[in-house]
C-alpha atoms as a PDB file:
ATOM      1  CA  UNK A   1       2.085 -55.262   5.315  1.00  0.00           C
ATOM      2  CA  UNK A   2       4.075 -52.440   6.889  1.00  0.00           C
ATOM      3  CA  UNK A   3       7.257 -51.094   5.597  1.00  0.00           C
ATOM      4  CA  UNK A   4       9.169 -52.880   8.379  1.00  0.00           C
ATOM      5  CA  UNK A   5       9.364 -56.072   6.410  1.00  0.00           C
ATOM      6  CA  UNK A   6      11.701 -56.824   3.697  1.00  0.00           C
ATOM      7  CA  UNK A   7      10.110 -57.478   0.253  1.00  0.00           C
ATOM      8  CA  UNK A   8       8.811 -61.111   0.151  1.00  0.00           C
ATOM      9  CA  UNK A   9       9.210 -61.553   3.895  1.00  0.00           C
ATOM     10  CA  UNK A  10       6.203 -61.374   6.211  1.00  0.00           C
ATOM     11  CA  UNK A  11       6.089 -58.414   8.650  1.00  0.00           C
ATOM     12  CA  UNK A  12       6.769 -59.820  12.290  1.00  0.00           C
ATOM     13  CA  UNK A  13       4.388 -57.302  13.797  1.00  0.00           C
ATOM     14  CA  UNK A  14       1.461 -57.451  11.186  1.00  0.00           C
ATOM     15  CA  UNK A  15      -0.600 -59.725  13.348  1.00  0.00           C
ATOM     16  CA  UNK A  16      -0.113 -57.609  16.475  1.00  0.00           C
ATOM     17  CA  UNK A  17      -3.450 -55.937  16.165  1.00  0.00           C
ATOM     18  CA  UNK A  18      -5.293 -58.774  14.642  1.00  0.00           C
ATOM     19  CA  UNK A  19      -7.090 -60.185  17.640  1.00  0.00           C
ATOM     20  CA  UNK A  20     -10.532 -60.914  19.004  1.00  0.00           C
ATOM     21  CA  UNK A  21      -9.818 -60.407  22.630  1.00  0.00           C
ATOM     22  CA  UNK A  22     -10.767 -62.213  25.788  1.00  0.00           C
ATOM     23  CA  UNK A  23     -14.437 -63.376  25.787  1.00  0.00           C
ATOM     24  CA  UNK A  24     -14.629 -63.275  29.579  1.00  0.00           C
ATOM     25  CA  UNK A  25     -13.524 -59.683  29.598  1.00  0.00           C
ATOM     26  CA  UNK A  26     -16.092 -58.698  26.848  1.00  0.00           C
ATOM     27  CA  UNK A  27     -18.787 -60.319  28.983  1.00  0.00           C
ATOM     28  CA  UNK A  28     -17.594 -58.473  32.033  1.00  0.00           C
ATOM     29  CA  UNK A  29     -17.742 -55.075  30.120  1.00  0.00           C
ATOM     30  CA  UNK A  30     -21.158 -55.938  28.777  1.00  0.00           C
ATOM     31  CA  UNK A  31     -22.275 -56.693  32.339  1.00  0.00           C
ATOM     32  CA  UNK A  32     -21.108 -53.177  33.355  1.00  0.00           C
ATOM     33  CA  UNK A  33     -23.461 -51.627  30.788  1.00  0.00           C
ATOM     34  CA  UNK A  34     -21.096 -51.347  27.635  1.00  0.00           C
ATOM     35  CA  UNK A  35     -22.645 -52.008  24.335  1.00  0.00           C
ATOM     36  CA  UNK A  36     -21.614 -55.058  22.231  1.00  0.00           C
ATOM     37  CA  UNK A  37     -19.270 -53.092  20.040  1.00  0.00           C
ATOM     38  CA  UNK A  38     -17.767 -51.277  23.069  1.00  0.00           C
ATOM     39  CA  UNK A  39     -17.288 -54.538  24.928  1.00  0.00           C
ATOM     40  CA  UNK A  40     -15.631 -56.115  21.928  1.00  0.00           C
ATOM     41  CA  UNK A  41     -13.351 -53.215  21.548  1.00  0.00           C
ATOM     42  CA  UNK A  42     -12.303 -53.220  25.251  1.00  0.00           C
ATOM     43  CA  UNK A  43     -11.414 -56.892  24.924  1.00  0.00           C
ATOM     44  CA  UNK A  44      -9.552 -56.354  21.628  1.00  0.00           C
ATOM     45  CA  UNK A  45      -7.650 -53.399  23.143  1.00  0.00           C
ATOM     46  CA  UNK A  46      -6.776 -55.501  26.159  1.00  0.00           C
ATOM     47  CA  UNK A  47      -5.414 -58.318  23.961  1.00  0.00           C
ATOM     48  CA  UNK A  48      -3.385 -55.872  21.877  1.00  0.00           C
ATOM     49  CA  UNK A  49      -1.868 -54.171  25.055  1.00  0.00           C
ATOM     50  CA  UNK A  50      -0.933 -57.595  26.266  1.00  0.00           C
ATOM     51  CA  UNK A  51       0.888 -58.403  23.031  1.00  0.00           C
ATOM     52  CA  UNK A  52       2.632 -55.030  23.092  1.00  0.00           C
ATOM     53  CA  UNK A  53       3.649 -55.587  26.749  1.00  0.00           C
ATOM     54  CA  UNK A  54       5.132 -59.040  25.950  1.00  0.00           C
ATOM     55  CA  UNK A  55       6.990 -57.543  22.751  1.00  0.00           C
ATOM     56  CA  UNK A  56       8.408 -54.763  24.923  1.00  0.00           C
ATOM     57  CA  UNK A  57       9.590 -57.275  27.584  1.00  0.00           C
ATOM     58  CA  UNK A  58      11.237 -59.416  24.886  1.00  0.00           C
ATOM     59  CA  UNK A  59      12.682 -56.152  23.412  1.00  0.00           C
ATOM     60  CA  UNK A  60      11.375 -56.957  19.932  1.00  0.00           C
ATOM     61  CA  UNK A  61      10.939 -53.250  19.080  1.00  0.00           C
ATOM     62  CA  UNK A  62      14.534 -52.443  20.070  1.00  0.00           C
ATOM     63  CA  UNK A  63      15.786 -55.412  18.008  1.00  0.00           C
ATOM     64  CA  UNK A  64      13.708 -54.274  15.063  1.00  0.00           C
ATOM     65  CA  UNK A  65      14.974 -50.639  15.198  1.00  0.00           C
ATOM     66  CA  UNK A  66      18.582 -51.848  15.518  1.00  0.00           C
ATOM     67  CA  UNK A  67      18.278 -54.174  12.582  1.00  0.00           C
ATOM     68  CA  UNK A  68      16.895 -51.307  10.347  1.00  0.00           C
ATOM     69  CA  UNK A  69      19.782 -48.830  11.526  1.00  0.00           C
ATOM     70  CA  UNK A  70      22.670 -51.428  11.334  1.00  0.00           C
ATOM     71  CA  UNK A  71      22.348 -55.323  11.476  1.00  0.00           C
ATOM     72  CA  UNK A  72      25.598 -55.548  13.382  1.00  0.00           C
ATOM     73  CA  UNK A  73      24.305 -53.554  16.317  1.00  0.00           C
ATOM     74  CA  UNK A  74      23.208 -55.549  19.567  1.00  0.00           C
ATOM     75  CA  UNK A  75      20.853 -54.544  22.238  1.00  0.00           C
ATOM     76  CA  UNK A  76      23.747 -53.795  24.460  1.00  0.00           C
ATOM     77  CA  UNK A  77      24.697 -50.823  22.219  1.00  0.00           C
ATOM     78  CA  UNK A  78      21.093 -49.576  22.403  1.00  0.00           C
ATOM     79  CA  UNK A  79      21.385 -49.724  26.233  1.00  0.00           C
ATOM     80  CA  UNK A  80      24.622 -47.828  26.071  1.00  0.00           C
ATOM     81  CA  UNK A  81      23.102 -45.113  23.840  1.00  0.00           C
ATOM     82  CA  UNK A  82      20.115 -44.723  26.260  1.00  0.00           C
ATOM     83  CA  UNK A  83      22.522 -44.513  29.331  1.00  0.00           C
ATOM     84  CA  UNK A  84      24.658 -41.911  27.533  1.00  0.00           C
ATOM     85  CA  UNK A  85      21.678 -39.786  26.671  1.00  0.00           C
ATOM     86  CA  UNK A  86      20.347 -40.023  30.266  1.00  0.00           C
ATOM     87  CA  UNK A  87      23.790 -38.948  31.680  1.00  0.00           C
ATOM     88  CA  UNK A  88      24.085 -36.086  29.189  1.00  0.00           C
ATOM     89  CA  UNK A  89      20.643 -34.812  30.155  1.00  0.00           C
ATOM     90  CA  UNK A  90      21.082 -35.287  33.892  1.00  0.00           C
ATOM     91  CA  UNK A  91      24.549 -33.851  34.510  1.00  0.00           C
ATOM     92  CA  UNK A  92      26.468 -30.822  33.044  1.00  0.00           C
ATOM     93  CA  UNK A  93      29.822 -32.761  33.097  1.00  0.00           C
ATOM     94  CA  UNK A  94      32.179 -32.555  30.100  1.00  0.00           C
ATOM     95  CA  UNK A  95      32.728 -36.184  29.647  1.00  0.00           C
ATOM     96  CA  UNK A  96      31.063 -39.550  30.343  1.00  0.00           C
ATOM     97  CA  UNK A  97      33.256 -42.161  31.926  1.00  0.00           C
ATOM     98  CA  UNK A  98      33.025 -45.923  31.541  1.00  0.00           C
ATOM     99  CA  UNK A  99      32.265 -46.008  35.186  1.00  0.00           C
ATOM    100  CA  UNK A 100      29.170 -43.809  34.703  1.00  0.00           C
ATOM    101  CA  UNK A 101      28.077 -46.035  31.758  1.00  0.00           C
ATOM    102  CA  UNK A 102      28.435 -49.119  33.972  1.00  0.00           C
ATOM    103  CA  UNK A 103      26.541 -47.526  36.729  1.00  0.00           C
ATOM    104  CA  UNK A 104      23.657 -46.558  34.545  1.00  0.00           C
ATOM    105  CA  UNK A 105      23.434 -49.907  32.738  1.00  0.00           C
ATOM    106  CA  UNK A 106      23.880 -51.838  36.015  1.00  0.00           C
ATOM    107  CA  UNK A 107      26.917 -53.762  34.687  1.00  0.00           C
ATOM    108  CA  UNK A 108      30.561 -54.225  35.675  1.00  0.00           C
ATOM    109  CA  UNK A 109      32.993 -51.588  34.285  1.00  0.00           C
ATOM    110  CA  UNK A 110      34.824 -54.140  32.142  1.00  0.00           C
ATOM    111  CA  UNK A 111      31.658 -55.016  30.314  1.00  0.00           C
ATOM    112  CA  UNK A 112      30.842 -51.288  29.968  1.00  0.00           C
ATOM    113  CA  UNK A 113      34.348 -50.747  28.537  1.00  0.00           C
ATOM    114  CA  UNK A 114      33.811 -53.383  25.856  1.00  0.00           C
ATOM    115  CA  UNK A 115      30.493 -51.977  24.876  1.00  0.00           C
ATOM    116  CA  UNK A 116      31.893 -48.506  24.788  1.00  0.00           C
ATOM    117  CA  UNK A 117      34.720 -49.538  22.510  1.00  0.00           C
ATOM    118  CA  UNK A 118      32.198 -50.985  20.050  1.00  0.00           C
END
């Protein structure tokens, strides 16, 4: 169990790397000259990468990080932080406006204003 889980609570990501992989992919790899071990590793890596891709799409890692920082934070707060850091590194302006945040996040200014206020 990793230290991401609370004591007595299962780690949500502990089974991420526990996979056998796709047998068809392993067969294909063996057919192209890979050893049994290498073909199994290719299939397992493919399966893990698929799980990671799905976790990223569902934003599981962002949720986990926010929960560890402050359980009251939402994903929109993380989006705003990322937008602010991108603006700060891209432009030498003195202040970041709500309009700039809205543009970077692809949302309307009123929503950006509410997120900024949080």
